[in-house]
Structure formats: structure tokens, C-alpha cells
Amino acid sequence: MSDTRSRGSRSLFGLVGDVPKLVKNLVKGEIDLLKAELIGKAKIIGLAAGLLVGALVVLLYAIGVLLTAAVMGLAVVMPAWLAALIVAVVMLIVAAILGLIGWKRFQKALPLTPKRTIDSVKDDINAVKGMGNKPSSRPGIRS
């Protein structure tokens, strides 16, 4: 029934009393909008991921066919077992090289502890507490 009164005649306390309800409705509306947007994007991403997985499966089969063609091509000039052995050895060498490069890159990332971030947070805590002279040098941040 208070809605029938004009807004101009409402008291300041009445308007301030409506603020929590309005904020609650605003936050609820924003959360609903966020959910709807994320669900829509999740559906698109799910379909895209499915298509990419399908493309990857076809690509793996195509690589198998190409390797078979390489064995058959070499079998024209040498025995088939030797052609298959040569293709397999080349594949093992490529796999070993890729594996070693990947292992070295993986070791660069170890340990997984985010040391720079931890140091930065410690500096920030010390700055808030008033301890310490100045933050340690962080890339991209001037003191």
C-alpha cells in the first residue's frame, strides 16, 4: 500500500529503508544475468570442444594412414619388414626428441609454488602493517 503514495512524500528514513531490498534485487538480477550468460557460453564452448576432439580423432587416423603409405612406399624399394622398421625407428626418434624437449620445459616450471606472487603478497602485508622499508622489486612495478 505504500506504493500508492507519491515518491516525493516519502520520508528519508523510508527511502533509506528500501536500499537493502533494492541492493538485494540488483545483486540477484546481476547474478541471474551472469548465470544466463555463462550457461550460454558453456554450451558454445562444449560444442566447440566436441568438434575439436572430433577433428583430433580424424587427424590421428590420417597420421596413421600417412605412416602406412610411407611404409608401403618404402616397401617398393626394400623388403616390407625393413620399411616398417625404418618408419618405426624414425617415429621413435621424433617421439624421444619431443619427449626430451617437453621434459626440460616441464622441469623449468618446477617447483609449482608461485614464489614471485608469495613474495609480492608478503611485501604487501608488510607494507600494510607498516613494516619494512620498501617492497622488493617486482617486474613491471615502479617504486
C-alpha atoms as a PDB file:
ATOM      1  CA  MET A   1       0.000   0.000   0.000  1.00  0.00           C
ATOM      2  CA  SER A   2       2.947   2.314   0.461  1.00  0.00           C
ATOM      3  CA  ASP A   3       3.438   2.155  -3.319  1.00  0.00           C
ATOM      4  CA  THR A   4       0.300   4.255  -3.817  1.00  0.00           C
ATOM      5  CA  ARG A   5       1.959   7.253  -2.165  1.00  0.00           C
ATOM      6  CA  SER A   6       3.970   9.520  -4.383  1.00  0.00           C
ATOM      7  CA  ARG A   7       7.733   9.257  -4.095  1.00  0.00           C
ATOM      8  CA  GLY A   8       8.004  12.907  -3.179  1.00  0.00           C
ATOM      9  CA  SER A   9       6.086  12.433   0.073  1.00  0.00           C
ATOM     10  CA  ARG A  10       8.192   9.523   1.374  1.00  0.00           C
ATOM     11  CA  SER A  11      10.495  10.244   4.261  1.00  0.00           C
ATOM     12  CA  LEU A  12      14.261   9.925   4.100  1.00  0.00           C
ATOM     13  CA  PHE A  13      14.112   7.001   6.543  1.00  0.00           C
ATOM     14  CA  GLY A  14      11.619   5.223   4.308  1.00  0.00           C
ATOM     15  CA  LEU A  15      13.882   5.676   1.292  1.00  0.00           C
ATOM     16  CA  VAL A  16      16.965   4.548   3.215  1.00  0.00           C
ATOM     17  CA  GLY A  17      14.992   1.550   4.461  1.00  0.00           C
ATOM     18  CA  ASP A  18      14.366   0.493   0.844  1.00  0.00           C
ATOM     19  CA  VAL A  19      18.081   0.481  -0.012  1.00  0.00           C
ATOM     20  CA  PRO A  20      18.868  -3.049   1.279  1.00  0.00           C
ATOM     21  CA  LYS A  21      15.922  -4.505  -0.666  1.00  0.00           C
ATOM     22  CA  LEU A  22      16.928  -2.641  -3.816  1.00  0.00           C
ATOM     23  CA  VAL A  23      20.556  -3.699  -3.483  1.00  0.00           C
ATOM     24  CA  LYS A  24      19.460  -7.296  -2.890  1.00  0.00           C
ATOM     25  CA  ASN A  25      17.274  -7.207  -6.016  1.00  0.00           C
ATOM     26  CA  LEU A  26      20.090  -5.624  -8.035  1.00  0.00           C
ATOM     27  CA  VAL A  27      22.631  -8.237  -6.937  1.00  0.00           C
ATOM     28  CA  LYS A  28      20.138 -11.060  -7.575  1.00  0.00           C
ATOM     29  CA  GLY A  29      19.430  -9.690 -11.042  1.00  0.00           C
ATOM     30  CA  GLU A  30      23.140  -9.410 -11.820  1.00  0.00           C
ATOM     31  CA  ILE A  31      23.739 -12.971 -10.629  1.00  0.00           C
ATOM     32  CA  ASP A  32      20.858 -14.236 -12.776  1.00  0.00           C
ATOM     33  CA  LEU A  33      22.288 -12.384 -15.779  1.00  0.00           C
ATOM     34  CA  LEU A  34      25.732 -13.829 -15.069  1.00  0.00           C
ATOM     35  CA  LYS A  35      24.312 -17.361 -14.822  1.00  0.00           C
ATOM     36  CA  ALA A  36      22.418 -16.996 -18.089  1.00  0.00           C
ATOM     37  CA  GLU A  37      25.473 -15.620 -19.869  1.00  0.00           C
ATOM     38  CA  LEU A  38      27.798 -18.311 -18.515  1.00  0.00           C
ATOM     39  CA  ILE A  39      25.358 -21.113 -19.382  1.00  0.00           C
ATOM     40  CA  GLY A  40      25.117 -19.801 -22.942  1.00  0.00           C
ATOM     41  CA  LYS A  41      28.874 -19.588 -23.261  1.00  0.00           C
ATOM     42  CA  ALA A  42      29.322 -23.046 -21.682  1.00  0.00           C
ATOM     43  CA  LYS A  43      27.019 -24.551 -24.311  1.00  0.00           C
ATOM     44  CA  ILE A  44      29.011 -22.910 -27.109  1.00  0.00           C
ATOM     45  CA  ILE A  45      32.327 -23.997 -25.580  1.00  0.00           C
ATOM     46  CA  GLY A  46      31.035 -27.549 -25.097  1.00  0.00           C
ATOM     47  CA  LEU A  47      30.030 -27.820 -28.747  1.00  0.00           C
ATOM     48  CA  ALA A  48      33.319 -26.301 -29.885  1.00  0.00           C
ATOM     49  CA  ALA A  49      35.286 -28.712 -27.685  1.00  0.00           C
ATOM     50  CA  GLY A  50      33.361 -31.650 -29.129  1.00  0.00           C
ATOM     51  CA  LEU A  51      34.126 -30.521 -32.667  1.00  0.00           C
ATOM     52  CA  LEU A  52      37.816 -30.054 -31.806  1.00  0.00           C
ATOM     53  CA  VAL A  53      38.006 -33.538 -30.286  1.00  0.00           C
ATOM     54  CA  GLY A  54      36.368 -34.942 -33.422  1.00  0.00           C
ATOM     55  CA  ALA A  55      38.925 -33.138 -35.582  1.00  0.00           C
ATOM     56  CA  LEU A  56      41.749 -34.508 -33.421  1.00  0.00           C
ATOM     57  CA  VAL A  57      40.472 -38.088 -33.799  1.00  0.00           C
ATOM     58  CA  VAL A  58      40.288 -37.705 -37.592  1.00  0.00           C
ATOM     59  CA  LEU A  59      43.782 -36.186 -37.593  1.00  0.00           C
ATOM     60  CA  LEU A  60      45.178 -39.146 -35.648  1.00  0.00           C
ATOM     61  CA  TYR A  61      43.643 -41.566 -38.147  1.00  0.00           C
ATOM     62  CA  ALA A  62      45.079 -39.507 -41.013  1.00  0.00           C
ATOM     63  CA  ILE A  63      48.550 -39.716 -39.472  1.00  0.00           C
ATOM     64  CA  GLY A  64      48.154 -43.490 -39.261  1.00  0.00           C
ATOM     65  CA  VAL A  65      47.188 -43.636 -42.937  1.00  0.00           C
ATOM     66  CA  LEU A  66      50.160 -41.454 -43.896  1.00  0.00           C
ATOM     67  CA  LEU A  67      52.550 -43.678 -41.953  1.00  0.00           C
ATOM     68  CA  THR A  68      51.084 -46.727 -43.679  1.00  0.00           C
ATOM     69  CA  ALA A  69      51.613 -45.008 -47.020  1.00  0.00           C
ATOM     70  CA  ALA A  70      55.232 -44.301 -46.051  1.00  0.00           C
ATOM     71  CA  VAL A  71      55.798 -47.976 -45.195  1.00  0.00           C
ATOM     72  CA  MET A  72      54.161 -49.100 -48.448  1.00  0.00           C
ATOM     73  CA  GLY A  73      56.194 -46.572 -50.438  1.00  0.00           C
ATOM     74  CA  LEU A  74      59.452 -47.769 -48.929  1.00  0.00           C
ATOM     75  CA  ALA A  75      58.366 -51.386 -49.450  1.00  0.00           C
ATOM     76  CA  VAL A  76      58.647 -50.792 -53.194  1.00  0.00           C
ATOM     77  CA  VAL A  77      62.447 -50.420 -52.926  1.00  0.00           C
ATOM     78  CA  MET A  78      63.147 -52.719 -49.917  1.00  0.00           C
ATOM     79  CA  PRO A  79      61.511 -55.586 -48.033  1.00  0.00           C
ATOM     80  CA  ALA A  80      58.273 -54.607 -46.261  1.00  0.00           C
ATOM     81  CA  TRP A  81      59.583 -55.559 -42.804  1.00  0.00           C
ATOM     82  CA  LEU A  82      62.593 -53.249 -43.276  1.00  0.00           C
ATOM     83  CA  ALA A  83      60.374 -50.399 -44.480  1.00  0.00           C
ATOM     84  CA  ALA A  84      58.130 -50.777 -41.423  1.00  0.00           C
ATOM     85  CA  LEU A  85      61.189 -50.930 -39.158  1.00  0.00           C
ATOM     86  CA  ILE A  86      62.660 -47.732 -40.635  1.00  0.00           C
ATOM     87  CA  VAL A  87      59.373 -45.835 -40.244  1.00  0.00           C
ATOM     88  CA  ALA A  88      59.020 -47.088 -36.656  1.00  0.00           C
ATOM     89  CA  VAL A  89      62.592 -46.032 -35.762  1.00  0.00           C
ATOM     90  CA  VAL A  90      62.041 -42.569 -37.230  1.00  0.00           C
ATOM     91  CA  MET A  91      58.812 -42.254 -35.231  1.00  0.00           C
ATOM     92  CA  LEU A  92      60.609 -43.332 -32.030  1.00  0.00           C
ATOM     93  CA  ILE A  93      63.361 -40.758 -32.632  1.00  0.00           C
ATOM     94  CA  VAL A  94      60.781 -37.998 -33.154  1.00  0.00           C
ATOM     95  CA  ALA A  95      58.907 -39.108 -30.016  1.00  0.00           C
ATOM     96  CA  ALA A  96      62.146 -39.118 -27.985  1.00  0.00           C
ATOM     97  CA  ILE A  97      63.106 -35.623 -29.157  1.00  0.00           C
ATOM     98  CA  LEU A  98      59.629 -34.237 -28.394  1.00  0.00           C
ATOM     99  CA  GLY A  99      59.629 -36.022 -25.026  1.00  0.00           C
ATOM    100  CA  LEU A 100      63.019 -34.585 -24.031  1.00  0.00           C
ATOM    101  CA  ILE A 101      62.036 -31.058 -25.043  1.00  0.00           C
ATOM    102  CA  GLY A 102      58.767 -31.391 -23.122  1.00  0.00           C
ATOM    103  CA  TRP A 103      60.545 -32.799 -20.037  1.00  0.00           C
ATOM    104  CA  LYS A 104      63.066 -29.920 -19.999  1.00  0.00           C
ATOM    105  CA  ARG A 105      60.260 -27.364 -20.290  1.00  0.00           C
ATOM    106  CA  PHE A 106      58.346 -29.145 -17.526  1.00  0.00           C
ATOM    107  CA  GLN A 107      61.387 -29.015 -15.233  1.00  0.00           C
ATOM    108  CA  LYS A 108      61.663 -25.239 -15.797  1.00  0.00           C
ATOM    109  CA  ALA A 109      58.186 -24.849 -14.295  1.00  0.00           C
ATOM    110  CA  LEU A 110      59.092 -26.783 -11.130  1.00  0.00           C
ATOM    111  CA  PRO A 111      58.509 -26.201  -8.286  1.00  0.00           C
ATOM    112  CA  LEU A 112      54.891 -25.260  -8.838  1.00  0.00           C
ATOM    113  CA  THR A 113      54.912 -22.826  -5.896  1.00  0.00           C
ATOM    114  CA  PRO A 114      54.204 -19.284  -7.179  1.00  0.00           C
ATOM    115  CA  LYS A 115      57.301 -17.773  -5.500  1.00  0.00           C
ATOM    116  CA  ARG A 116      57.024 -14.283  -7.042  1.00  0.00           C
ATOM    117  CA  THR A 117      53.367 -13.998  -6.049  1.00  0.00           C
ATOM    118  CA  ILE A 118      54.070 -15.172  -2.493  1.00  0.00           C
ATOM    119  CA  ASP A 119      56.903 -12.647  -2.166  1.00  0.00           C
ATOM    120  CA  SER A 120      54.636  -9.925  -3.543  1.00  0.00           C
ATOM    121  CA  VAL A 121      51.860 -10.759  -1.069  1.00  0.00           C
ATOM    122  CA  LYS A 122      54.365 -10.769   1.811  1.00  0.00           C
ATOM    123  CA  ASP A 123      55.600  -7.339   0.694  1.00  0.00           C
ATOM    124  CA  ASP A 124      52.016  -6.065   0.524  1.00  0.00           C
ATOM    125  CA  ILE A 125      51.239  -7.408   4.017  1.00  0.00           C
ATOM    126  CA  ASN A 126      54.381  -5.808   5.406  1.00  0.00           C
ATOM    127  CA  ALA A 127      53.500  -2.516   3.719  1.00  0.00           C
ATOM    128  CA  VAL A 128      50.010  -2.574   5.259  1.00  0.00           C
ATOM    129  CA  LYS A 129      51.467  -3.383   8.676  1.00  0.00           C
ATOM    130  CA  GLY A 130      53.982  -0.557   8.249  1.00  0.00           C
ATOM    131  CA  MET A 131      56.884  -2.952   8.436  1.00  0.00           C
ATOM    132  CA  GLY A 132      59.758  -2.959   6.021  1.00  0.00           C
ATOM    133  CA  ASN A 133      61.308  -0.076   4.154  1.00  0.00           C
ATOM    134  CA  LYS A 134      60.026  -0.685   0.661  1.00  0.00           C
ATOM    135  CA  PRO A 135      58.597  -3.543  -1.387  1.00  0.00           C
ATOM    136  CA  SER A 136      61.048  -5.763  -3.189  1.00  0.00           C
ATOM    137  CA  SER A 137      61.486  -5.058  -6.864  1.00  0.00           C
ATOM    138  CA  ARG A 138      58.727  -6.654  -8.894  1.00  0.00           C
ATOM    139  CA  PRO A 139      58.756  -6.703 -12.680  1.00  0.00           C
ATOM    140  CA  GLY A 140      56.570  -4.017 -14.166  1.00  0.00           C
ATOM    141  CA  ILE A 141      56.061  -2.132 -10.894  1.00  0.00           C
ATOM    142  CA  ARG A 142      57.980   1.048 -10.115  1.00  0.00           C
ATOM    143  CA  SER A 143      58.611   2.094  -6.541  1.00  0.00           C
END
